[in-house]
Amino acid sequence: MSTQILADRLVDLARLSLLFGTIDRITFHADGTTPESDTDHTVMLGLAACAFATEHVPGLRVGLVAQFALVHDLVEAYAGDMPTLRALSSDQKAQKKAREHAAYSRIMSEFGLELPWIDQTISEYERQLLPEARFVRALDKLMPKLTHILNDCTTLRAQGVTVDELRARYEMQEQELLAYAADFPVLMELRAELVDRVLAAYAGTEVAA
């Protein structure tokens, strides 16, 4: 591989990285006004996943956990983010899958030859065969709860979700998580604690309103 071609691909990768940082999620920073970007979310998940796994799920390969966390949402640079606070319909799920597949195909065409680690790692994460991939996927579902706590439930109020709707969504999410993360009981216990905190905080904001 020539140095010129490698330089071109790294410039392309830098462009993709910066684009990734412009994708806003529906969640907010602690100030309640600054949108959380995909890169904010990725750094948060990466730090939490590595720190948590090292101390509480020692059988996992932390380096692999970090790699999966780094790429877990990268397709959103091209596909955009689709909020899942409310359960998606079958059509919405199909649209999300199609957009993300097209984005993955684009990333593979752009980097698969010279920098194949990127699409190979995304592919391995999406297969969800390795415990590290399933762990990252499960912990990813906890990250919005952290931001809800930090910004006093700004996102939940902005979405017009009621406490009962939120509780029902969390109960459904728990069943979804148990289908692939039941072998991480400490993570499920942590999730239960965070859910209780979010529901209590949000109930308080509804009463105040």
N, C-alpha and C. Protein backbone atom coordinates (compact mmCIF):
# COMPACT_ATOMS: atom_id res chain seq x y z
N MET A 1 0.84 -1.19 0.00
CA MET A 1 0.00 0.00 0.00
C MET A 1 0.88 1.25 0.00
N SER A 2 0.58 2.16 -0.91
CA SER A 2 1.38 3.37 -0.97
C SER A 2 1.04 4.32 0.17
N THR A 3 2.01 5.14 0.52
CA THR A 3 1.79 6.13 1.57
C THR A 3 0.68 7.10 1.16
N GLN A 4 0.60 7.40 -0.13
CA GLN A 4 -0.42 8.33 -0.61
C GLN A 4 -1.82 7.76 -0.41
N ILE A 5 -2.00 6.48 -0.71
CA ILE A 5 -3.31 5.85 -0.53
C ILE A 5 -3.68 5.79 0.94
N LEU A 6 -2.72 5.41 1.78
CA LEU A 6 -2.98 5.34 3.22
C LEU A 6 -3.34 6.71 3.77
N ALA A 7 -2.64 7.75 3.31
CA ALA A 7 -2.95 9.11 3.75
C ALA A 7 -4.36 9.50 3.34
N ASP A 8 -4.74 9.12 2.12
CA ASP A 8 -6.10 9.41 1.64
C ASP A 8 -7.15 8.76 2.53
N ARG A 9 -6.91 7.49 2.88
CA ARG A 9 -7.89 6.78 3.70
C ARG A 9 -7.97 7.37 5.11
N LEU A 10 -6.85 7.80 5.66
CA LEU A 10 -6.87 8.41 6.99
C LEU A 10 -7.59 9.75 6.97
N VAL A 11 -7.44 10.49 5.88
CA VAL A 11 -8.21 11.73 5.73
C VAL A 11 -9.70 11.39 5.68
N ASP A 12 -10.05 10.34 4.94
CA ASP A 12 -11.45 9.91 4.87
C ASP A 12 -11.96 9.49 6.25
N LEU A 13 -11.10 8.80 7.00
CA LEU A 13 -11.50 8.36 8.34
C LEU A 13 -11.68 9.55 9.28
N ALA A 14 -10.82 10.53 9.14
CA ALA A 14 -10.97 11.75 9.94
C ALA A 14 -12.28 12.44 9.60
N ARG A 15 -12.62 12.48 8.31
CA ARG A 15 -13.88 13.09 7.88
C ARG A 15 -15.08 12.34 8.48
N LEU A 16 -15.02 11.01 8.44
CA LEU A 16 -16.09 10.20 9.02
C LEU A 16 -16.21 10.45 10.52
N SER A 17 -15.09 10.53 11.20
CA SER A 17 -15.08 10.76 12.64
C SER A 17 -15.72 12.10 13.00
N LEU A 18 -15.38 13.14 12.24
CA LEU A 18 -15.95 14.46 12.51
C LEU A 18 -17.44 14.48 12.18
N LEU A 19 -17.82 13.78 11.11
CA LEU A 19 -19.25 13.69 10.78
C LEU A 19 -20.00 12.98 11.90
N PHE A 20 -19.41 11.92 12.43
CA PHE A 20 -20.01 11.17 13.54
C PHE A 20 -20.30 12.10 14.72
N GLY A 21 -19.41 13.04 14.95
CA GLY A 21 -19.59 13.98 16.05
C GLY A 21 -20.68 15.00 15.84
N THR A 22 -21.19 15.12 14.61
CA THR A 22 -22.27 16.07 14.33
C THR A 22 -23.65 15.43 14.47
N ILE A 23 -23.70 14.11 14.69
CA ILE A 23 -24.98 13.42 14.84
C ILE A 23 -25.45 13.57 16.28
N ASP A 24 -26.57 14.26 16.45
CA ASP A 24 -27.12 14.48 17.78
C ASP A 24 -28.14 13.40 18.14
N ARG A 25 -28.10 12.99 19.40
CA ARG A 25 -29.09 12.08 19.95
C ARG A 25 -30.22 12.91 20.57
N ILE A 26 -31.28 12.26 21.06
CA ILE A 26 -32.35 13.03 21.69
C ILE A 26 -32.02 13.38 23.13
N THR A 27 -30.94 12.83 23.65
CA THR A 27 -30.53 13.09 25.02
C THR A 27 -29.70 14.37 25.10
N PHE A 28 -29.56 14.89 26.33
CA PHE A 28 -28.89 16.16 26.54
C PHE A 28 -27.76 16.05 27.57
N HIS A 29 -26.88 17.03 27.51
CA HIS A 29 -25.85 17.18 28.53
C HIS A 29 -26.51 17.58 29.86
N ALA A 30 -25.69 17.70 30.87
CA ALA A 30 -26.20 18.04 32.20
C ALA A 30 -26.86 19.41 32.23
N ASP A 31 -26.54 20.29 31.27
CA ASP A 31 -27.17 21.62 31.26
C ASP A 31 -28.60 21.58 30.75
N GLY A 32 -29.02 20.44 30.20
CA GLY A 32 -30.38 20.30 29.73
C GLY A 32 -30.67 20.97 28.41
N THR A 33 -29.66 21.56 27.77
CA THR A 33 -29.88 22.26 26.49
C THR A 33 -28.93 21.78 25.39
N THR A 34 -27.72 21.37 25.75
CA THR A 34 -26.75 20.92 24.75
C THR A 34 -27.04 19.47 24.37
N PRO A 35 -27.32 19.21 23.10
CA PRO A 35 -27.59 17.82 22.70
C PRO A 35 -26.35 16.94 22.90
N GLU A 36 -26.58 15.72 23.28
CA GLU A 36 -25.50 14.74 23.37
C GLU A 36 -25.21 14.23 21.97
N SER A 37 -23.98 14.29 21.54
CA SER A 37 -23.62 13.80 20.21
C SER A 37 -23.29 12.32 20.27
N ASP A 38 -23.20 11.72 19.09
CA ASP A 38 -22.81 10.31 19.04
C ASP A 38 -21.40 10.08 19.58
N THR A 39 -20.52 11.05 19.39
CA THR A 39 -19.17 10.87 19.94
C THR A 39 -19.17 11.03 21.45
N ASP A 40 -19.99 11.94 21.98
CA ASP A 40 -20.14 12.03 23.45
C ASP A 40 -20.58 10.67 24.00
N HIS A 41 -21.59 10.12 23.37
CA HIS A 41 -22.16 8.85 23.82
C HIS A 41 -21.13 7.72 23.71
N THR A 42 -20.38 7.70 22.63
CA THR A 42 -19.40 6.64 22.42
C THR A 42 -18.29 6.68 23.47
N VAL A 43 -17.80 7.87 23.78
CA VAL A 43 -16.76 7.99 24.81
C VAL A 43 -17.32 7.56 26.17
N MET A 44 -18.55 7.99 26.48
CA MET A 44 -19.17 7.61 27.75
C MET A 44 -19.30 6.10 27.87
N LEU A 45 -19.79 5.47 26.82
CA LEU A 45 -19.96 4.02 26.84
C LEU A 45 -18.61 3.31 26.93
N GLY A 46 -17.63 3.78 26.17
CA GLY A 46 -16.32 3.14 26.20
C GLY A 46 -15.68 3.17 27.58
N LEU A 47 -15.73 4.33 28.21
CA LEU A 47 -15.16 4.45 29.56
C LEU A 47 -15.92 3.58 30.56
N ALA A 48 -17.25 3.65 30.50
CA ALA A 48 -18.06 2.87 31.44
C ALA A 48 -17.88 1.37 31.22
N ALA A 49 -17.86 0.96 29.97
CA ALA A 49 -17.77 -0.47 29.66
C ALA A 49 -16.44 -1.06 30.13
N CYS A 50 -15.36 -0.36 29.85
CA CYS A 50 -14.04 -0.88 30.25
C CYS A 50 -13.87 -0.87 31.76
N ALA A 51 -14.26 0.21 32.40
CA ALA A 51 -14.11 0.31 33.86
C ALA A 51 -14.98 -0.70 34.58
N PHE A 52 -16.22 -0.84 34.12
CA PHE A 52 -17.16 -1.75 34.76
C PHE A 52 -16.76 -3.21 34.54
N ALA A 53 -16.41 -3.54 33.30
CA ALA A 53 -16.04 -4.93 33.00
C ALA A 53 -14.80 -5.36 33.78
N THR A 54 -13.83 -4.48 33.88
CA THR A 54 -12.57 -4.83 34.56
C THR A 54 -12.82 -5.24 36.00
N GLU A 55 -13.70 -4.53 36.68
CA GLU A 55 -13.92 -4.78 38.11
C GLU A 55 -15.02 -5.80 38.38
N HIS A 56 -16.02 -5.88 37.50
CA HIS A 56 -17.22 -6.66 37.84
C HIS A 56 -17.55 -7.80 36.88
N VAL A 57 -16.92 -7.84 35.71
CA VAL A 57 -17.10 -8.97 34.80
C VAL A 57 -15.71 -9.36 34.30
N PRO A 58 -14.87 -9.88 35.19
CA PRO A 58 -13.45 -10.09 34.89
C PRO A 58 -13.19 -11.10 33.78
N GLY A 59 -14.16 -11.90 33.41
CA GLY A 59 -13.93 -12.87 32.35
C GLY A 59 -13.90 -12.26 30.96
N LEU A 60 -14.33 -11.03 30.83
CA LEU A 60 -14.36 -10.38 29.52
C LEU A 60 -12.99 -9.84 29.14
N ARG A 61 -12.72 -9.82 27.85
CA ARG A 61 -11.49 -9.22 27.33
C ARG A 61 -11.74 -7.72 27.15
N VAL A 62 -11.15 -6.93 28.03
CA VAL A 62 -11.46 -5.50 28.06
C VAL A 62 -11.05 -4.79 26.78
N GLY A 63 -9.95 -5.23 26.17
CA GLY A 63 -9.55 -4.62 24.91
C GLY A 63 -10.61 -4.79 23.83
N LEU A 64 -11.23 -5.97 23.80
CA LEU A 64 -12.28 -6.22 22.83
C LEU A 64 -13.54 -5.43 23.18
N VAL A 65 -13.82 -5.31 24.46
CA VAL A 65 -14.94 -4.48 24.92
C VAL A 65 -14.75 -3.05 24.40
N ALA A 66 -13.55 -2.52 24.54
CA ALA A 66 -13.26 -1.16 24.08
C ALA A 66 -13.44 -1.03 22.58
N GLN A 67 -13.00 -2.03 21.83
CA GLN A 67 -13.14 -1.97 20.37
C GLN A 67 -14.60 -1.96 19.95
N PHE A 68 -15.40 -2.81 20.57
CA PHE A 68 -16.82 -2.86 20.22
C PHE A 68 -17.53 -1.57 20.62
N ALA A 69 -17.19 -1.02 21.77
CA ALA A 69 -17.81 0.24 22.19
C ALA A 69 -17.46 1.36 21.21
N LEU A 70 -16.24 1.35 20.70
CA LEU A 70 -15.78 2.41 19.80
C LEU A 70 -16.58 2.43 18.50
N VAL A 71 -16.96 1.26 17.99
CA VAL A 71 -17.63 1.22 16.68
C VAL A 71 -19.12 0.94 16.76
N HIS A 72 -19.67 0.75 17.96
CA HIS A 72 -21.03 0.21 18.07
C HIS A 72 -22.08 1.05 17.37
N ASP A 73 -21.89 2.36 17.28
CA ASP A 73 -22.86 3.25 16.63
C ASP A 73 -22.28 3.94 15.40
N LEU A 74 -21.13 3.52 14.92
CA LEU A 74 -20.44 4.27 13.87
C LEU A 74 -21.27 4.40 12.60
N VAL A 75 -22.11 3.41 12.31
CA VAL A 75 -22.93 3.51 11.09
C VAL A 75 -23.85 4.73 11.14
N GLU A 76 -24.12 5.25 12.34
CA GLU A 76 -25.01 6.41 12.45
C GLU A 76 -24.39 7.67 11.85
N ALA A 77 -23.10 7.66 11.59
CA ALA A 77 -22.48 8.79 10.90
C ALA A 77 -23.16 9.01 9.56
N TYR A 78 -23.58 7.92 8.91
CA TYR A 78 -24.28 7.99 7.63
C TYR A 78 -25.78 7.74 7.77
N ALA A 79 -26.16 6.91 8.74
CA ALA A 79 -27.57 6.53 8.87
C ALA A 79 -28.38 7.47 9.76
N GLY A 80 -27.69 8.23 10.61
CA GLY A 80 -28.39 9.05 11.57
C GLY A 80 -28.86 8.21 12.76
N ASP A 81 -29.36 8.88 13.79
CA ASP A 81 -29.82 8.19 15.00
C ASP A 81 -31.34 8.11 14.98
N MET A 82 -31.88 6.95 15.32
CA MET A 82 -33.33 6.80 15.46
C MET A 82 -33.64 6.53 16.92
N PRO A 83 -34.27 7.46 17.63
CA PRO A 83 -34.56 7.28 19.06
C PRO A 83 -35.42 6.05 19.31
N THR A 84 -35.15 5.36 20.41
CA THR A 84 -35.91 4.17 20.76
C THR A 84 -36.51 4.29 22.16
N LEU A 85 -36.72 5.54 22.62
CA LEU A 85 -37.33 5.73 23.93
C LEU A 85 -38.70 5.09 23.96
N ARG A 86 -39.45 5.29 22.88
CA ARG A 86 -40.69 4.56 22.68
C ARG A 86 -40.40 3.38 21.76
N ALA A 87 -41.03 2.25 22.01
CA ALA A 87 -40.79 1.05 21.20
C ALA A 87 -41.07 1.35 19.73
N LEU A 88 -40.19 0.87 18.86
CA LEU A 88 -40.35 1.09 17.43
C LEU A 88 -41.38 0.13 16.85
N SER A 89 -42.11 0.62 15.85
CA SER A 89 -43.04 -0.25 15.13
C SER A 89 -42.24 -1.17 14.21
N SER A 90 -42.90 -2.15 13.62
CA SER A 90 -42.23 -3.06 12.69
C SER A 90 -41.66 -2.30 11.50
N ASP A 91 -42.43 -1.34 11.00
CA ASP A 91 -41.96 -0.54 9.86
C ASP A 91 -40.74 0.29 10.24
N GLN A 92 -40.78 0.89 11.43
CA GLN A 92 -39.64 1.71 11.88
C GLN A 92 -38.40 0.85 12.08
N LYS A 93 -38.58 -0.34 12.62
CA LYS A 93 -37.45 -1.25 12.79
C LYS A 93 -36.85 -1.62 11.45
N ALA A 94 -37.71 -1.87 10.46
CA ALA A 94 -37.23 -2.23 9.13
C ALA A 94 -36.49 -1.06 8.48
N GLN A 95 -37.02 0.16 8.65
CA GLN A 95 -36.36 1.34 8.11
C GLN A 95 -35.00 1.55 8.75
N LYS A 96 -34.95 1.39 10.07
CA LYS A 96 -33.69 1.55 10.81
C LYS A 96 -32.67 0.52 10.32
N LYS A 97 -33.09 -0.71 10.19
CA LYS A 97 -32.18 -1.78 9.74
C LYS A 97 -31.67 -1.51 8.34
N ALA A 98 -32.55 -1.05 7.45
CA ALA A 98 -32.16 -0.79 6.07
C ALA A 98 -31.17 0.37 5.99
N ARG A 99 -31.43 1.44 6.74
CA ARG A 99 -30.53 2.60 6.74
C ARG A 99 -29.16 2.21 7.28
N GLU A 100 -29.14 1.43 8.36
CA GLU A 100 -27.87 1.06 8.97
C GLU A 100 -27.10 0.07 8.09
N HIS A 101 -27.82 -0.80 7.39
CA HIS A 101 -27.13 -1.72 6.46
C HIS A 101 -26.50 -0.94 5.31
N ALA A 102 -27.22 0.05 4.79
CA ALA A 102 -26.67 0.87 3.71
C ALA A 102 -25.44 1.63 4.20
N ALA A 103 -25.51 2.14 5.43
CA ALA A 103 -24.38 2.87 6.00
C ALA A 103 -23.18 1.94 6.19
N TYR A 104 -23.43 0.73 6.67
CA TYR A 104 -22.33 -0.23 6.84
C TYR A 104 -21.69 -0.57 5.49
N SER A 105 -22.52 -0.76 4.48
CA SER A 105 -22.00 -1.07 3.15
C SER A 105 -21.12 0.07 2.64
N ARG A 106 -21.53 1.29 2.92
CA ARG A 106 -20.73 2.45 2.50
C ARG A 106 -19.39 2.48 3.23
N ILE A 107 -19.41 2.23 4.53
CA ILE A 107 -18.17 2.20 5.31
C ILE A 107 -17.25 1.09 4.80
N MET A 108 -17.83 -0.06 4.49
CA MET A 108 -17.03 -1.18 3.99
C MET A 108 -16.39 -0.84 2.65
N SER A 109 -17.15 -0.15 1.79
CA SER A 109 -16.60 0.20 0.48
C SER A 109 -15.50 1.24 0.60
N GLU A 110 -15.61 2.10 1.61
CA GLU A 110 -14.64 3.18 1.77
C GLU A 110 -13.36 2.71 2.47
N PHE A 111 -13.48 1.77 3.40
CA PHE A 111 -12.32 1.42 4.22
C PHE A 111 -11.96 -0.07 4.20
N GLY A 112 -12.81 -0.89 3.59
CA GLY A 112 -12.61 -2.34 3.68
C GLY A 112 -11.31 -2.84 3.11
N LEU A 113 -10.78 -2.16 2.11
CA LEU A 113 -9.55 -2.63 1.48
C LEU A 113 -8.32 -2.21 2.26
N GLU A 114 -8.21 -0.92 2.56
CA GLU A 114 -6.99 -0.42 3.21
C GLU A 114 -7.04 -0.47 4.74
N LEU A 115 -8.25 -0.30 5.32
CA LEU A 115 -8.39 -0.27 6.78
C LEU A 115 -9.52 -1.21 7.21
N PRO A 116 -9.36 -2.51 6.97
CA PRO A 116 -10.46 -3.46 7.16
C PRO A 116 -10.89 -3.66 8.62
N TRP A 117 -10.06 -3.25 9.58
CA TRP A 117 -10.46 -3.42 10.99
C TRP A 117 -11.80 -2.78 11.26
N ILE A 118 -12.10 -1.68 10.61
CA ILE A 118 -13.32 -0.93 10.91
C ILE A 118 -14.56 -1.76 10.60
N ASP A 119 -14.70 -2.19 9.35
CA ASP A 119 -15.93 -2.93 9.02
C ASP A 119 -15.93 -4.32 9.63
N GLN A 120 -14.75 -4.92 9.81
CA GLN A 120 -14.69 -6.24 10.45
C GLN A 120 -15.16 -6.18 11.90
N THR A 121 -14.79 -5.11 12.60
CA THR A 121 -15.19 -4.98 14.00
C THR A 121 -16.67 -4.65 14.13
N ILE A 122 -17.17 -3.82 13.23
CA ILE A 122 -18.61 -3.55 13.22
C ILE A 122 -19.38 -4.84 12.96
N SER A 123 -18.92 -5.62 11.99
CA SER A 123 -19.58 -6.87 11.64
C SER A 123 -19.59 -7.85 12.81
N GLU A 124 -18.46 -7.97 13.49
CA GLU A 124 -18.38 -8.89 14.63
C GLU A 124 -19.27 -8.43 15.76
N TYR A 125 -19.34 -7.12 15.97
CA TYR A 125 -20.24 -6.60 17.01
C TYR A 125 -21.69 -6.91 16.66
N GLU A 126 -22.08 -6.69 15.43
CA GLU A 126 -23.47 -6.90 15.02
C GLU A 126 -23.86 -8.38 15.07
N ARG A 127 -22.91 -9.27 14.92
CA ARG A 127 -23.22 -10.71 14.99
C ARG A 127 -23.63 -11.10 16.41
N GLN A 128 -23.12 -10.41 17.43
CA GLN A 128 -23.50 -10.63 18.83
C GLN A 128 -23.22 -12.06 19.30
N LEU A 129 -22.18 -12.66 18.78
CA LEU A 129 -21.82 -14.01 19.19
C LEU A 129 -20.87 -14.02 20.38
N LEU A 130 -20.07 -12.98 20.51
CA LEU A 130 -19.09 -12.91 21.59
C LEU A 130 -19.68 -12.24 22.82
N PRO A 131 -19.30 -12.72 24.02
CA PRO A 131 -19.84 -12.11 25.23
C PRO A 131 -19.49 -10.62 25.34
N GLU A 132 -18.34 -10.23 24.84
CA GLU A 132 -17.94 -8.82 24.88
C GLU A 132 -18.91 -7.96 24.07
N ALA A 133 -19.37 -8.48 22.93
CA ALA A 133 -20.32 -7.74 22.10
C ALA A 133 -21.67 -7.63 22.80
N ARG A 134 -22.12 -8.71 23.40
CA ARG A 134 -23.40 -8.68 24.10
C ARG A 134 -23.35 -7.78 25.32
N PHE A 135 -22.21 -7.77 26.00
CA PHE A 135 -22.05 -6.90 27.16
C PHE A 135 -22.13 -5.43 26.76
N VAL A 136 -21.44 -5.06 25.69
CA VAL A 136 -21.48 -3.67 25.23
C VAL A 136 -22.89 -3.29 24.80
N ARG A 137 -23.56 -4.18 24.10
CA ARG A 137 -24.94 -3.90 23.67
C ARG A 137 -25.85 -3.66 24.87
N ALA A 138 -25.69 -4.48 25.91
CA ALA A 138 -26.53 -4.33 27.10
C ALA A 138 -26.20 -3.06 27.87
N LEU A 139 -24.92 -2.80 28.07
CA LEU A 139 -24.54 -1.61 28.83
C LEU A 139 -24.93 -0.34 28.08
N ASP A 140 -24.94 -0.41 26.77
CA ASP A 140 -25.36 0.73 25.96
C ASP A 140 -26.76 1.21 26.36
N LYS A 141 -27.63 0.28 26.77
CA LYS A 141 -28.99 0.64 27.14
C LYS A 141 -29.05 1.40 28.47
N LEU A 142 -27.95 1.38 29.22
CA LEU A 142 -27.92 2.10 30.49
C LEU A 142 -27.49 3.55 30.34
N MET A 143 -26.81 3.86 29.24
CA MET A 143 -26.24 5.20 29.08
C MET A 143 -27.30 6.32 29.10
N PRO A 144 -28.46 6.16 28.41
CA PRO A 144 -29.45 7.23 28.49
C PRO A 144 -29.95 7.49 29.91
N LYS A 145 -29.98 6.45 30.72
CA LYS A 145 -30.44 6.62 32.09
C LYS A 145 -29.47 7.52 32.87
N LEU A 146 -28.19 7.42 32.57
CA LEU A 146 -27.21 8.29 33.21
C LEU A 146 -27.44 9.74 32.82
N THR A 147 -27.71 9.97 31.54
CA THR A 147 -27.93 11.36 31.11
C THR A 147 -29.25 11.89 31.66
N HIS A 148 -30.28 11.03 31.77
CA HIS A 148 -31.54 11.48 32.38
C HIS A 148 -31.30 11.98 33.81
N ILE A 149 -30.48 11.23 34.53
CA ILE A 149 -30.18 11.60 35.92
C ILE A 149 -29.41 12.92 35.96
N LEU A 150 -28.46 13.07 35.05
CA LEU A 150 -27.61 14.27 35.05
C LEU A 150 -28.36 15.53 34.63
N ASN A 151 -29.32 15.40 33.70
CA ASN A 151 -30.00 16.61 33.20
C ASN A 151 -31.41 16.78 33.75
N ASP A 152 -31.70 16.11 34.88
CA ASP A 152 -33.01 16.24 35.53
C ASP A 152 -34.16 15.86 34.60
N CYS A 153 -33.94 14.81 33.81
CA CYS A 153 -34.99 14.22 32.96
C CYS A 153 -35.48 15.17 31.87
N THR A 154 -34.60 16.05 31.40
CA THR A 154 -34.98 16.98 30.34
C THR A 154 -35.49 16.26 29.10
N THR A 155 -34.79 15.21 28.68
CA THR A 155 -35.19 14.47 27.49
C THR A 155 -36.58 13.89 27.64
N LEU A 156 -36.86 13.30 28.79
CA LEU A 156 -38.15 12.66 29.01
C LEU A 156 -39.28 13.69 28.95
N ARG A 157 -39.05 14.85 29.53
CA ARG A 157 -40.07 15.90 29.48
C ARG A 157 -40.26 16.38 28.05
N ALA A 158 -39.15 16.54 27.32
CA ALA A 158 -39.23 17.02 25.94
C ALA A 158 -39.98 16.03 25.05
N GLN A 159 -39.88 14.75 25.34
CA GLN A 159 -40.57 13.73 24.55
C GLN A 159 -42.01 13.53 24.98
N GLY A 160 -42.41 14.15 26.08
CA GLY A 160 -43.79 14.03 26.54
C GLY A 160 -44.17 12.66 27.05
N VAL A 161 -43.18 11.93 27.57
CA VAL A 161 -43.43 10.59 28.08
C VAL A 161 -43.97 10.69 29.50
N THR A 162 -45.00 9.91 29.82
CA THR A 162 -45.51 9.88 31.19
C THR A 162 -44.70 8.88 32.01
N VAL A 163 -44.80 8.98 33.32
CA VAL A 163 -44.09 8.04 34.19
C VAL A 163 -44.56 6.61 33.90
N ASP A 164 -45.85 6.43 33.72
CA ASP A 164 -46.37 5.08 33.45
C ASP A 164 -45.85 4.55 32.12
N GLU A 165 -45.80 5.40 31.11
CA GLU A 165 -45.26 4.97 29.81
C GLU A 165 -43.79 4.59 29.94
N LEU A 166 -43.06 5.39 30.70
CA LEU A 166 -41.63 5.11 30.89
C LEU A 166 -41.43 3.81 31.64
N ARG A 167 -42.21 3.60 32.67
CA ARG A 167 -42.10 2.35 33.44
C ARG A 167 -42.39 1.15 32.54
N ALA A 168 -43.43 1.26 31.72
CA ALA A 168 -43.78 0.16 30.82
C ALA A 168 -42.67 -0.09 29.81
N ARG A 169 -42.07 0.98 29.30
CA ARG A 169 -40.97 0.82 28.33
C ARG A 169 -39.78 0.15 29.00
N TYR A 170 -39.48 0.53 30.24
CA TYR A 170 -38.35 -0.07 30.94
C TYR A 170 -38.61 -1.55 31.23
N GLU A 171 -39.85 -1.90 31.53
CA GLU A 171 -40.18 -3.31 31.78
C GLU A 171 -40.00 -4.12 30.50
N MET A 172 -40.41 -3.56 29.38
CA MET A 172 -40.23 -4.23 28.10
C MET A 172 -38.75 -4.36 27.77
N GLN A 173 -38.00 -3.31 28.04
CA GLN A 173 -36.57 -3.33 27.77
C GLN A 173 -35.87 -4.39 28.62
N GLU A 174 -36.32 -4.57 29.85
CA GLU A 174 -35.71 -5.58 30.71
C GLU A 174 -35.85 -6.97 30.09
N GLN A 175 -37.03 -7.27 29.54
CA GLN A 175 -37.23 -8.57 28.90
C GLN A 175 -36.35 -8.71 27.67
N GLU A 176 -36.19 -7.62 26.94
CA GLU A 176 -35.31 -7.66 25.76
C GLU A 176 -33.86 -7.94 26.18
N LEU A 177 -33.43 -7.28 27.26
CA LEU A 177 -32.06 -7.47 27.75
C LEU A 177 -31.84 -8.89 28.26
N LEU A 178 -32.82 -9.44 28.94
CA LEU A 178 -32.66 -10.78 29.50
C LEU A 178 -32.49 -11.83 28.40
N ALA A 179 -32.93 -11.51 27.20
CA ALA A 179 -32.80 -12.45 26.09
C ALA A 179 -31.35 -12.63 25.65
N TYR A 180 -30.50 -11.62 25.94
CA TYR A 180 -29.10 -11.76 25.51
C TYR A 180 -28.08 -11.38 26.58
N ALA A 181 -28.54 -10.89 27.72
CA ALA A 181 -27.58 -10.45 28.75
C ALA A 181 -27.87 -11.03 30.12
N ALA A 182 -28.63 -12.11 30.18
CA ALA A 182 -28.94 -12.71 31.48
C ALA A 182 -27.71 -13.23 32.19
N ASP A 183 -26.63 -13.49 31.44
CA ASP A 183 -25.42 -14.00 32.06
C ASP A 183 -24.54 -12.89 32.63
N PHE A 184 -25.08 -11.66 32.66
CA PHE A 184 -24.40 -10.54 33.30
C PHE A 184 -25.28 -10.00 34.43
N PRO A 185 -25.51 -10.81 35.49
CA PRO A 185 -26.44 -10.40 36.54
C PRO A 185 -26.05 -9.09 37.22
N VAL A 186 -24.76 -8.83 37.36
CA VAL A 186 -24.36 -7.59 38.03
C VAL A 186 -24.76 -6.38 37.19
N LEU A 187 -24.75 -6.53 35.88
CA LEU A 187 -25.18 -5.45 35.00
C LEU A 187 -26.69 -5.24 35.13
N MET A 188 -27.43 -6.31 35.24
CA MET A 188 -28.89 -6.20 35.39
C MET A 188 -29.24 -5.57 36.73
N GLU A 189 -28.46 -5.86 37.75
CA GLU A 189 -28.69 -5.24 39.06
C GLU A 189 -28.41 -3.73 39.00
N LEU A 190 -27.34 -3.37 38.31
CA LEU A 190 -27.02 -1.96 38.15
C LEU A 190 -28.12 -1.25 37.37
N ARG A 191 -28.61 -1.89 36.33
CA ARG A 191 -29.70 -1.31 35.54
C ARG A 191 -30.93 -1.06 36.42
N ALA A 192 -31.29 -2.03 37.26
CA ALA A 192 -32.45 -1.87 38.13
C ALA A 192 -32.29 -0.65 39.05
N GLU A 193 -31.10 -0.46 39.57
CA GLU A 193 -30.84 0.71 40.43
C GLU A 193 -31.01 2.00 39.65
N LEU A 194 -30.47 2.06 38.44
CA LEU A 194 -30.58 3.28 37.64
C LEU A 194 -32.02 3.55 37.21
N VAL A 195 -32.75 2.49 36.86
CA VAL A 195 -34.16 2.64 36.50
C VAL A 195 -34.95 3.23 37.68
N ASP A 196 -34.71 2.72 38.87
CA ASP A 196 -35.40 3.24 40.06
C ASP A 196 -35.09 4.72 40.26
N ARG A 197 -33.85 5.11 40.05
CA ARG A 197 -33.47 6.51 40.22
C ARG A 197 -34.14 7.41 39.18
N VAL A 198 -34.17 6.94 37.93
CA VAL A 198 -34.79 7.74 36.87
C VAL A 198 -36.28 7.89 37.13
N LEU A 199 -36.95 6.80 37.46
CA LEU A 199 -38.39 6.86 37.69
C LEU A 199 -38.73 7.76 38.87
N ALA A 200 -37.93 7.68 39.93
CA ALA A 200 -38.17 8.53 41.10
C ALA A 200 -37.96 9.99 40.75
N ALA A 201 -36.89 10.27 40.01
CA ALA A 201 -36.60 11.65 39.63
C ALA A 201 -37.66 12.20 38.69
N TYR A 202 -38.11 11.37 37.75
CA TYR A 202 -39.09 11.84 36.79
C TYR A 202 -40.48 12.02 37.43
N ALA A 203 -40.82 11.14 38.34
CA ALA A 203 -42.07 11.30 39.07
C ALA A 203 -42.06 12.61 39.84
N GLY A 204 -40.90 12.96 40.38
CA GLY A 204 -40.77 14.23 41.10
C GLY A 204 -40.96 15.43 40.20
N THR A 205 -40.46 15.34 38.97
CA THR A 205 -40.62 16.48 38.05
C THR A 205 -42.07 16.60 37.60
N GLU A 206 -42.77 15.47 37.47
CA GLU A 206 -44.19 15.53 37.08
C GLU A 206 -45.02 16.17 38.18
N VAL A 207 -44.71 15.83 39.42
CA VAL A 207 -45.44 16.42 40.56
C VAL A 207 -45.17 17.91 40.61
N ALA A 208 -43.91 18.30 40.39
CA ALA A 208 -43.54 19.72 40.43
C ALA A 208 -44.24 20.50 39.33
N ALA A 209 -44.43 19.85 38.18
CA ALA A 209 -45.09 20.53 37.05
C ALA A 209 -46.56 20.74 37.34
